[in-house]
Amino acid sequence: DQKLKGLLTAIHPKSMSPFFNRGGKLLTYQGWSDQDISPLASVNFYKAVTSALGDSTVSSSMRLFMVPGMGHCGGGEGPNTFDMMVPLEHWVEKGQAPMRVDASHSTNGKIDRTRPLCPYPQLPHYKGSGDTNDAANFVCAAK
C-alpha cells in the first residue's frame, strides 16, 4: 500500500469523493461468514464513507450488500449465488439503484433456498406467509 500510494485500496472515505462526483457507482458485497476478512471491515468502511460524504451522496452512489451465511467471495450455508453485474449495469445506464438482489443457495445442483440481499443497513424481513425458502416472501426494510 505504501509503494502504490492507495492505487489499489480505498481505505480513506474522502478518497471516494472524486469518483462519486464523476457519477461513479460503487456496488460492494461481502459474506457475513467471511473467514478471511472481517465482515465489519465493509460495514465500517460504508459507515465511514457515509459519515465523511453524507447520506445523500452515498445513497446515490454506493450500495453495500451483506450476504448471510456466505464465506469469502462465495460458498457457505447462505444464499451465495447472485449476479451483481446486471443491477450495476441498470444503475449506471438507467439510473435505477439496486433496492434488492435475489440470491440462491443450491444443494447438489438444485436450488433449495432464495433470499433477497438488501442494501445495508436494510435487512430481509419475512412477510409472514408463504414459504420461508422463497425470496418472494421477504421485503427489504430497516430494522
Protein backbone atom coordinates (compact mmCIF):
# COMPACT_ATOMS: atom_id res chain seq x y z
CA ASP A 1 0.00 0.00 0.00
CA GLN A 2 2.82 2.42 0.82
CA LYS A 3 4.54 1.75 -2.51
CA LEU A 4 1.37 2.15 -4.59
CA LYS A 5 0.09 5.09 -2.53
CA GLY A 6 -3.51 3.90 -2.39
CA LEU A 7 -3.92 2.96 -6.07
CA LEU A 8 -5.22 -0.50 -5.16
CA THR A 9 -7.02 0.35 -1.96
CA ALA A 10 -9.69 2.77 -0.90
CA ILE A 11 -9.28 2.99 2.84
CA HIS A 12 -9.80 6.72 3.20
CA PRO A 13 -13.50 7.59 2.98
CA LYS A 14 -13.00 11.00 1.41
CA SER A 15 -10.99 9.37 -1.39
CA MET A 16 -14.33 8.22 -2.84
CA SER A 17 -15.48 11.79 -3.44
CA PRO A 18 -13.83 12.33 -6.88
CA PHE A 19 -15.21 9.00 -8.10
CA PHE A 20 -18.73 9.80 -6.91
CA ASN A 21 -18.52 13.37 -8.25
CA ARG A 22 -17.86 11.94 -11.74
CA GLY A 23 -21.05 9.87 -11.45
CA GLY A 24 -19.29 6.66 -10.39
CA LYS A 25 -21.34 3.92 -8.80
CA LEU A 26 -19.87 1.51 -6.25
CA LEU A 27 -21.70 -1.75 -5.60
CA THR A 28 -19.98 -3.95 -3.00
CA TYR A 29 -20.86 -7.14 -1.18
CA GLN A 30 -19.35 -9.35 1.48
CA GLY A 31 -20.36 -12.51 3.28
CA TRP A 32 -21.26 -12.30 6.95
CA SER A 33 -19.37 -15.61 7.35
CA ASP A 34 -16.20 -14.44 5.58
CA GLN A 35 -13.34 -16.33 7.16
CA ASP A 36 -10.57 -14.20 5.60
CA ILE A 37 -11.66 -10.58 6.02
CA SER A 38 -13.82 -9.37 8.86
CA PRO A 39 -17.30 -8.54 7.55
CA LEU A 40 -17.20 -5.48 9.77
CA ALA A 41 -14.44 -4.07 7.55
CA SER A 42 -17.02 -3.49 4.80
CA VAL A 43 -19.67 -2.23 7.22
CA ASN A 44 -17.20 0.14 8.88
CA PHE A 45 -15.98 1.46 5.52
CA TYR A 46 -19.57 2.07 4.40
CA LYS A 47 -20.30 3.92 7.63
CA ALA A 48 -17.09 5.95 7.34
CA VAL A 49 -17.90 6.99 3.76
CA THR A 50 -21.43 7.94 4.83
CA SER A 51 -20.07 9.96 7.74
CA ALA A 52 -17.47 11.72 5.57
CA LEU A 53 -19.57 12.41 2.47
CA GLY A 54 -23.16 12.41 3.72
CA ASP A 55 -26.21 10.21 3.33
CA SER A 56 -27.40 11.75 0.07
CA THR A 57 -24.04 11.24 -1.68
CA VAL A 58 -23.77 7.67 -0.51
CA SER A 59 -27.39 6.77 -1.28
CA SER A 60 -26.98 7.96 -4.86
CA SER A 61 -23.51 6.44 -5.42
CA MET A 62 -22.83 3.42 -3.21
CA ARG A 63 -24.54 0.20 -2.14
CA LEU A 64 -23.28 -2.47 0.25
CA PHE A 65 -24.93 -5.88 0.30
CA MET A 66 -24.06 -8.13 3.23
CA VAL A 67 -24.70 -11.78 2.43
CA PRO A 68 -25.85 -14.00 5.31
CA GLY A 69 -24.00 -17.31 5.60
CA MET A 70 -21.61 -16.63 2.68
CA GLY A 71 -17.89 -17.15 3.14
CA HIS A 72 -15.03 -15.32 1.43
CA CYS A 73 -16.20 -14.47 -2.12
CA GLY A 74 -18.74 -17.30 -2.13
CA GLY A 75 -19.68 -20.64 -0.68
CA GLY A 76 -21.21 -21.27 2.70
CA GLU A 77 -24.61 -22.20 4.02
CA GLY A 78 -26.35 -19.00 2.93
CA PRO A 79 -27.72 -17.76 -0.39
CA ASN A 80 -24.37 -17.39 -2.14
CA THR A 81 -25.24 -17.34 -5.85
CA PHE A 82 -26.23 -13.98 -7.33
CA ASP A 83 -25.42 -11.59 -10.16
CA MET A 84 -24.27 -8.09 -9.23
CA MET A 85 -23.41 -7.04 -12.79
CA VAL A 86 -27.00 -6.60 -14.01
CA PRO A 87 -28.01 -4.39 -11.05
CA LEU A 88 -24.81 -2.34 -11.51
CA GLU A 89 -25.48 -2.03 -15.23
CA HIS A 90 -29.06 -0.82 -14.60
CA TRP A 91 -27.78 1.68 -12.04
CA VAL A 92 -25.11 3.12 -14.32
CA GLU A 93 -27.03 3.03 -17.60
CA LYS A 94 -30.63 3.60 -16.48
CA GLY A 95 -30.24 5.37 -13.13
CA GLN A 96 -32.03 2.54 -11.28
CA ALA A 97 -30.25 1.98 -7.98
CA PRO A 98 -30.49 -1.63 -6.77
CA MET A 99 -33.07 -1.94 -4.00
CA ARG A 100 -32.52 -5.69 -3.62
CA VAL A 101 -30.68 -8.52 -5.32
CA ASP A 102 -32.14 -12.01 -5.23
CA ALA A 103 -29.69 -14.75 -4.27
CA SER A 104 -29.99 -18.52 -4.18
CA HIS A 105 -28.50 -21.49 -2.39
CA SER A 106 -28.15 -24.88 -4.05
CA THR A 107 -27.62 -28.37 -2.73
CA ASN A 108 -26.39 -31.00 -5.20
CA GLY A 109 -27.10 -28.60 -8.07
CA LYS A 110 -30.71 -27.94 -7.07
CA ILE A 111 -31.85 -24.54 -5.76
CA ASP A 112 -33.32 -25.09 -2.32
CA ARG A 113 -33.50 -21.53 -0.96
CA THR A 114 -33.72 -18.00 -2.27
CA ARG A 115 -33.44 -14.77 -0.30
CA PRO A 116 -33.21 -11.11 -1.11
CA LEU A 117 -29.93 -9.37 -0.42
CA CYS A 118 -30.76 -5.91 0.87
CA PRO A 119 -28.72 -2.71 0.69
CA TYR A 120 -27.10 -2.05 4.05
CA PRO A 121 -28.41 -1.21 6.62
CA GLN A 122 -31.68 -2.83 5.48
CA LEU A 123 -32.38 -6.49 6.21
CA PRO A 124 -34.72 -9.05 4.66
CA HIS A 125 -37.94 -9.38 6.66
CA TYR A 126 -40.35 -12.27 6.25
CA LYS A 127 -43.81 -11.05 5.19
CA GLY A 128 -45.48 -13.57 7.50
CA SER A 129 -46.87 -16.02 4.99
CA GLY A 130 -45.59 -18.30 2.28
CA ASP A 131 -42.51 -20.50 2.01
CA THR A 132 -39.59 -19.16 4.06
CA ASN A 133 -37.25 -20.56 1.39
CA ASP A 134 -38.69 -18.24 -1.27
CA ALA A 135 -37.29 -14.70 -1.68
CA ALA A 136 -40.70 -13.50 -2.92
CA ASN A 137 -41.95 -13.78 0.66
CA PHE A 138 -39.45 -11.25 2.01
CA VAL A 139 -39.12 -7.47 1.83
CA CYS A 140 -36.07 -5.30 2.46
CA ALA A 141 -36.61 -2.92 5.35
CA ALA A 142 -34.76 -1.19 8.16
CA LYS A 143 -34.71 -2.97 11.49
